[in-house]
């Protein structure tokens, strides 16, 4: 009887040790990376239809057509350019959905899977044109601009600018703030256009890609420190990251 109990205890101990080792091995393995949803991209610069243009459109196409968004530019190499969109086109419908404002169109496109086929209804001159477009994948540099929208700033890569005294050793690197939206977290913190972004949190910023990655790490409601160079001097600002809206074209 004693031998049987000894064997039973030994087998139980072996099974427990095996379970502990398996649990430890599983705990040591890093969790699989979270796969980010791709963001849809049309490749246009757009703005709201102003009152004067809305009146002209209404006179030509009817009152219901005095809305939509105005195309300022079809970005070279983007889906919109490939589909034949032109400056001064007015997008009034996406498939069967009327388009009323910029943010509405942005939300639809950004939430669309790259490769999706859509049909845009365009007012061009005195014609109403149907334009098929394949939604593209938003480039990484554009996602950096998109991330900046959460803070109320628009930035662009400094590549190609004339070198400044503050970054003479690396003139090809850097991100320059171009627009700060009034009333935004960036504006309230004291940031200004022409500030050169050099650091977000603990991350050095040398490109729009760096900016996108650094801002993606910030959660809504958290404070993030941003370092800039302004007139040769370094300034540090603390901004509260607003909650991210939808899985959110420069559009």
Protein backbone atom coordinates (compact mmCIF):
# COMPACT_ATOMS: atom_id res chain seq x y z
CA UNK A 1 0.00 0.00 0.00
CA UNK A 2 2.83 2.36 0.91
CA UNK A 3 4.47 1.72 -2.50
CA UNK A 4 1.26 2.54 -4.34
CA UNK A 5 0.85 5.82 -2.43
CA UNK A 6 4.46 6.72 -3.16
CA UNK A 7 3.94 6.07 -6.88
CA UNK A 8 0.70 8.10 -6.83
CA UNK A 9 2.40 11.06 -5.13
CA UNK A 10 5.33 10.88 -7.58
CA UNK A 11 3.02 10.90 -10.62
CA UNK A 12 0.99 13.78 -9.17
CA UNK A 13 4.17 15.79 -8.53
CA UNK A 14 5.40 15.19 -12.11
CA UNK A 15 2.06 16.33 -13.55
CA UNK A 16 2.03 19.47 -11.39
CA UNK A 17 5.61 20.35 -12.36
CA UNK A 18 4.74 19.86 -16.05
CA UNK A 19 1.72 22.15 -15.66
CA UNK A 20 3.81 24.82 -13.93
CA UNK A 21 6.50 24.63 -16.64
CA UNK A 22 3.86 24.90 -19.39
CA UNK A 23 2.22 27.89 -17.68
CA UNK A 24 5.61 29.56 -17.22
CA UNK A 25 6.51 28.99 -20.87
CA UNK A 26 3.20 30.48 -22.00
CA UNK A 27 3.67 33.49 -19.72
CA UNK A 28 7.18 34.04 -21.11
CA UNK A 29 5.93 34.21 -24.68
CA UNK A 30 5.11 37.82 -25.66
CA UNK A 31 1.50 38.44 -26.68
CA UNK A 32 0.95 38.61 -30.44
CA UNK A 33 1.13 42.17 -31.78
CA UNK A 34 -2.17 43.93 -32.31
CA UNK A 35 -2.74 44.29 -36.03
CA UNK A 36 -3.73 47.84 -36.89
CA UNK A 37 -6.69 48.37 -39.17
CA UNK A 38 -5.61 49.89 -42.49
CA UNK A 39 -7.02 53.37 -43.09
CA UNK A 40 -8.73 54.12 -46.39
CA UNK A 41 -7.39 56.99 -48.51
CA UNK A 42 -8.74 58.92 -51.48
CA UNK A 43 -5.79 61.22 -52.07
CA UNK A 44 -7.49 64.61 -52.31
CA UNK A 45 -7.26 67.95 -50.58
CA UNK A 46 -10.81 69.12 -49.95
CA UNK A 47 -12.72 71.92 -48.26
CA UNK A 48 -16.30 72.90 -47.55
CA UNK A 49 -18.36 74.44 -50.35
CA UNK A 50 -18.62 78.15 -49.61
CA UNK A 51 -21.85 80.13 -49.77
CA UNK A 52 -21.10 81.75 -53.14
CA UNK A 53 -20.25 78.43 -54.82
CA UNK A 54 -23.27 76.75 -53.21
CA UNK A 55 -25.54 79.39 -54.75
CA UNK A 56 -24.00 78.86 -58.21
CA UNK A 57 -24.38 75.08 -57.90
CA UNK A 58 -27.99 75.44 -56.78
CA UNK A 59 -28.73 77.71 -59.77
CA UNK A 60 -27.22 75.16 -62.18
CA UNK A 61 -28.17 71.80 -60.68
CA UNK A 62 -31.00 72.56 -58.27
CA UNK A 63 -31.18 73.53 -54.63
CA UNK A 64 -30.38 70.01 -53.40
CA UNK A 65 -26.99 70.13 -55.18
CA UNK A 66 -25.75 73.23 -53.38
CA UNK A 67 -23.86 71.02 -50.88
CA UNK A 68 -20.92 68.62 -51.12
CA UNK A 69 -17.18 69.22 -50.77
CA UNK A 70 -14.82 71.06 -53.10
CA UNK A 71 -11.71 69.32 -54.47
CA UNK A 72 -8.67 71.58 -54.21
CA UNK A 73 -6.10 69.05 -55.40
CA UNK A 74 -5.87 65.43 -56.49
CA UNK A 75 -2.61 64.22 -54.93
CA UNK A 76 -0.14 62.85 -57.46
CA UNK A 77 -0.13 59.06 -57.49
CA UNK A 78 -3.27 58.80 -55.37
CA UNK A 79 -6.55 57.00 -56.11
CA UNK A 80 -8.37 60.25 -56.92
CA UNK A 81 -5.82 61.29 -59.56
CA UNK A 82 -5.93 57.81 -61.08
CA UNK A 83 -9.72 58.05 -61.29
CA UNK A 84 -9.54 61.46 -63.02
CA UNK A 85 -10.71 63.83 -60.27
CA UNK A 86 -9.72 67.44 -60.90
CA UNK A 87 -9.44 70.68 -58.91
CA UNK A 88 -12.79 72.51 -58.70
CA UNK A 89 -14.76 69.24 -58.86
CA UNK A 90 -17.48 69.12 -56.23
CA UNK A 91 -18.20 65.72 -54.68
CA UNK A 92 -21.92 65.53 -53.85
CA UNK A 93 -22.50 61.80 -53.47
CA UNK A 94 -20.61 58.61 -52.60
CA UNK A 95 -22.46 55.63 -54.04
CA UNK A 96 -26.04 56.46 -53.01
CA UNK A 97 -25.14 58.58 -49.97
CA UNK A 98 -25.29 62.39 -50.28
CA UNK A 99 -22.14 64.17 -49.10
CA UNK A 100 -22.72 67.26 -46.98
CA UNK A 101 -19.36 68.14 -45.43
CA UNK A 102 -15.65 67.38 -45.28
CA UNK A 103 -15.67 65.38 -42.04
CA UNK A 104 -18.47 63.15 -43.30
CA UNK A 105 -16.51 62.20 -46.43
CA UNK A 106 -13.33 61.71 -44.40
CA UNK A 107 -15.09 59.39 -41.97
CA UNK A 108 -16.53 57.23 -44.76
CA UNK A 109 -13.26 56.96 -46.68
CA UNK A 110 -11.08 56.35 -43.62
CA UNK A 111 -13.40 53.59 -42.49
CA UNK A 112 -13.39 51.90 -45.91
CA UNK A 113 -11.14 48.93 -46.57
CA UNK A 114 -8.38 49.62 -49.11
CA UNK A 115 -9.41 48.04 -52.41
CA UNK A 116 -13.09 48.90 -52.00
CA UNK A 117 -14.70 50.21 -55.20
CA UNK A 118 -16.88 53.29 -54.78
CA UNK A 119 -18.71 55.61 -57.18
CA UNK A 120 -18.47 59.37 -56.68
CA UNK A 121 -20.99 61.78 -58.15
CA UNK A 122 -19.13 64.92 -59.23
CA UNK A 123 -20.38 68.34 -60.31
CA UNK A 124 -17.91 69.58 -62.93
CA UNK A 125 -18.65 72.80 -64.76
CA UNK A 126 -22.26 72.32 -65.91
CA UNK A 127 -22.08 68.52 -65.93
CA UNK A 128 -22.90 65.82 -63.41
CA UNK A 129 -20.26 63.07 -63.73
CA UNK A 130 -20.05 59.56 -62.25
CA UNK A 131 -16.48 58.64 -61.30
CA UNK A 132 -15.53 55.11 -60.14
CA UNK A 133 -12.69 55.11 -57.60
CA UNK A 134 -10.80 52.36 -55.80
CA UNK A 135 -10.04 53.31 -52.20
CA UNK A 136 -6.30 53.23 -51.48
CA UNK A 137 -4.22 52.52 -48.37
CA UNK A 138 -3.32 55.70 -46.49
CA UNK A 139 0.48 56.23 -46.66
CA UNK A 140 2.36 56.30 -43.37
CA UNK A 141 3.29 59.95 -43.77
CA UNK A 142 -0.36 60.91 -44.14
CA UNK A 143 -1.25 58.98 -40.99
CA UNK A 144 1.22 61.22 -39.20
CA UNK A 145 -0.80 64.24 -40.29
CA UNK A 146 -3.95 62.41 -39.27
CA UNK A 147 -2.54 61.74 -35.82
CA UNK A 148 -1.73 65.44 -35.50
CA UNK A 149 -5.38 66.31 -36.15
CA UNK A 150 -6.22 64.91 -32.71
CA UNK A 151 -4.09 67.64 -31.17
CA UNK A 152 -5.29 70.35 -33.56
CA UNK A 153 -2.14 70.73 -35.61
CA UNK A 154 -1.11 70.08 -39.20
CA UNK A 155 2.54 69.30 -39.85
CA UNK A 156 4.68 68.35 -42.80
CA UNK A 157 8.05 66.77 -43.31
CA UNK A 158 10.94 69.22 -43.26
CA UNK A 159 12.73 67.33 -46.04
CA UNK A 160 13.59 69.70 -48.84
CA UNK A 161 13.52 72.86 -46.73
CA UNK A 162 16.57 75.08 -46.56
CA UNK A 163 18.62 73.99 -43.54
CA UNK A 164 18.14 76.10 -40.41
CA UNK A 165 20.72 76.83 -37.75
CA UNK A 166 18.86 74.70 -35.22
CA UNK A 167 19.30 71.44 -37.16
CA UNK A 168 22.22 72.11 -39.48
CA UNK A 169 23.72 68.70 -38.74
CA UNK A 170 20.61 66.89 -40.05
CA UNK A 171 18.85 69.27 -42.46
CA UNK A 172 16.91 66.44 -44.12
CA UNK A 173 15.17 65.47 -40.90
CA UNK A 174 12.38 67.03 -38.89
CA UNK A 175 8.69 67.82 -38.85
CA UNK A 176 7.48 71.41 -39.12
CA UNK A 177 4.15 72.58 -37.68
CA UNK A 178 2.30 74.43 -40.43
CA UNK A 179 -1.16 75.08 -38.91
CA UNK A 180 -2.40 75.20 -35.31
CA UNK A 181 -6.19 75.10 -35.04
CA UNK A 182 -7.59 77.81 -32.71
CA UNK A 183 -9.00 76.39 -29.49
CA UNK A 184 -7.28 73.02 -29.97
CA UNK A 185 -5.10 71.27 -27.36
CA UNK A 186 -2.00 72.37 -29.33
CA UNK A 187 -3.14 76.01 -29.38
CA UNK A 188 -4.06 76.03 -25.69
CA UNK A 189 -0.65 74.60 -24.82
CA UNK A 190 1.07 77.45 -26.68
CA UNK A 191 2.28 75.76 -29.85
CA UNK A 192 2.64 77.90 -32.98
CA UNK A 193 3.05 77.48 -36.74
CA UNK A 194 6.71 77.04 -37.76
CA UNK A 195 7.58 75.20 -34.55
CA UNK A 196 9.97 72.35 -35.36
CA UNK A 197 8.89 69.12 -33.64
CA UNK A 198 11.85 67.27 -32.16
CA UNK A 199 10.39 64.99 -29.50
CA UNK A 200 7.05 63.53 -28.37
CA UNK A 201 7.25 61.83 -24.99
CA UNK A 202 10.46 59.82 -25.08
CA UNK A 203 10.45 59.47 -28.86
CA UNK A 204 12.68 61.55 -31.16
CA UNK A 205 10.75 62.96 -34.12
CA UNK A 206 12.59 63.03 -37.45
CA UNK A 207 9.72 62.24 -39.82
CA UNK A 208 5.95 62.12 -40.10
CA UNK A 209 6.24 58.37 -39.57
CA UNK A 210 7.90 59.00 -36.19
CA UNK A 211 5.15 61.45 -35.31
CA UNK A 212 2.42 58.96 -36.22
CA UNK A 213 3.96 56.18 -34.13
CA UNK A 214 4.55 58.42 -31.11
CA UNK A 215 1.03 59.85 -31.10
CA UNK A 216 -0.56 56.43 -31.61
CA UNK A 217 0.95 55.43 -28.26
CA UNK A 218 -0.92 58.20 -26.45
CA UNK A 219 -4.27 57.24 -24.98
CA UNK A 220 -7.22 59.57 -24.76
CA UNK A 221 -7.15 61.66 -21.61
CA UNK A 222 -3.43 61.20 -21.01
CA UNK A 223 -0.89 64.03 -21.00
CA UNK A 224 1.90 63.96 -23.56
CA UNK A 225 4.98 66.17 -23.62
CA UNK A 226 6.02 67.72 -26.92
CA UNK A 227 9.39 69.38 -27.45
CA UNK A 228 9.87 71.91 -30.25
CA UNK A 229 12.58 74.26 -31.44
CA UNK A 230 11.41 77.84 -31.96
CA UNK A 231 13.82 80.59 -33.00
CA UNK A 232 16.75 78.40 -32.00
CA UNK A 233 15.40 77.70 -28.50
CA UNK A 234 13.87 74.50 -27.15
CA UNK A 235 10.37 74.64 -25.65
CA UNK A 236 8.42 71.87 -23.93
CA UNK A 237 4.62 71.73 -23.93
CA UNK A 238 2.23 69.40 -22.12
CA UNK A 239 -0.89 68.45 -24.07
CA UNK A 240 -3.82 66.28 -23.12
CA UNK A 241 -4.52 63.71 -25.83
CA UNK A 242 -8.23 63.83 -26.73
CA UNK A 243 -10.08 60.53 -27.21
CA UNK A 244 -9.64 59.06 -30.66
CA UNK A 245 -12.74 59.27 -32.79
CA UNK A 246 -13.64 56.61 -35.27
CA UNK A 247 -10.90 54.46 -36.69
CA UNK A 248 -10.02 57.22 -38.31
CA UNK A 249 -7.96 61.63 -46.34
CA UNK A 250 -4.77 64.57 -46.11
CA UNK A 251 -7.46 62.80 -46.87
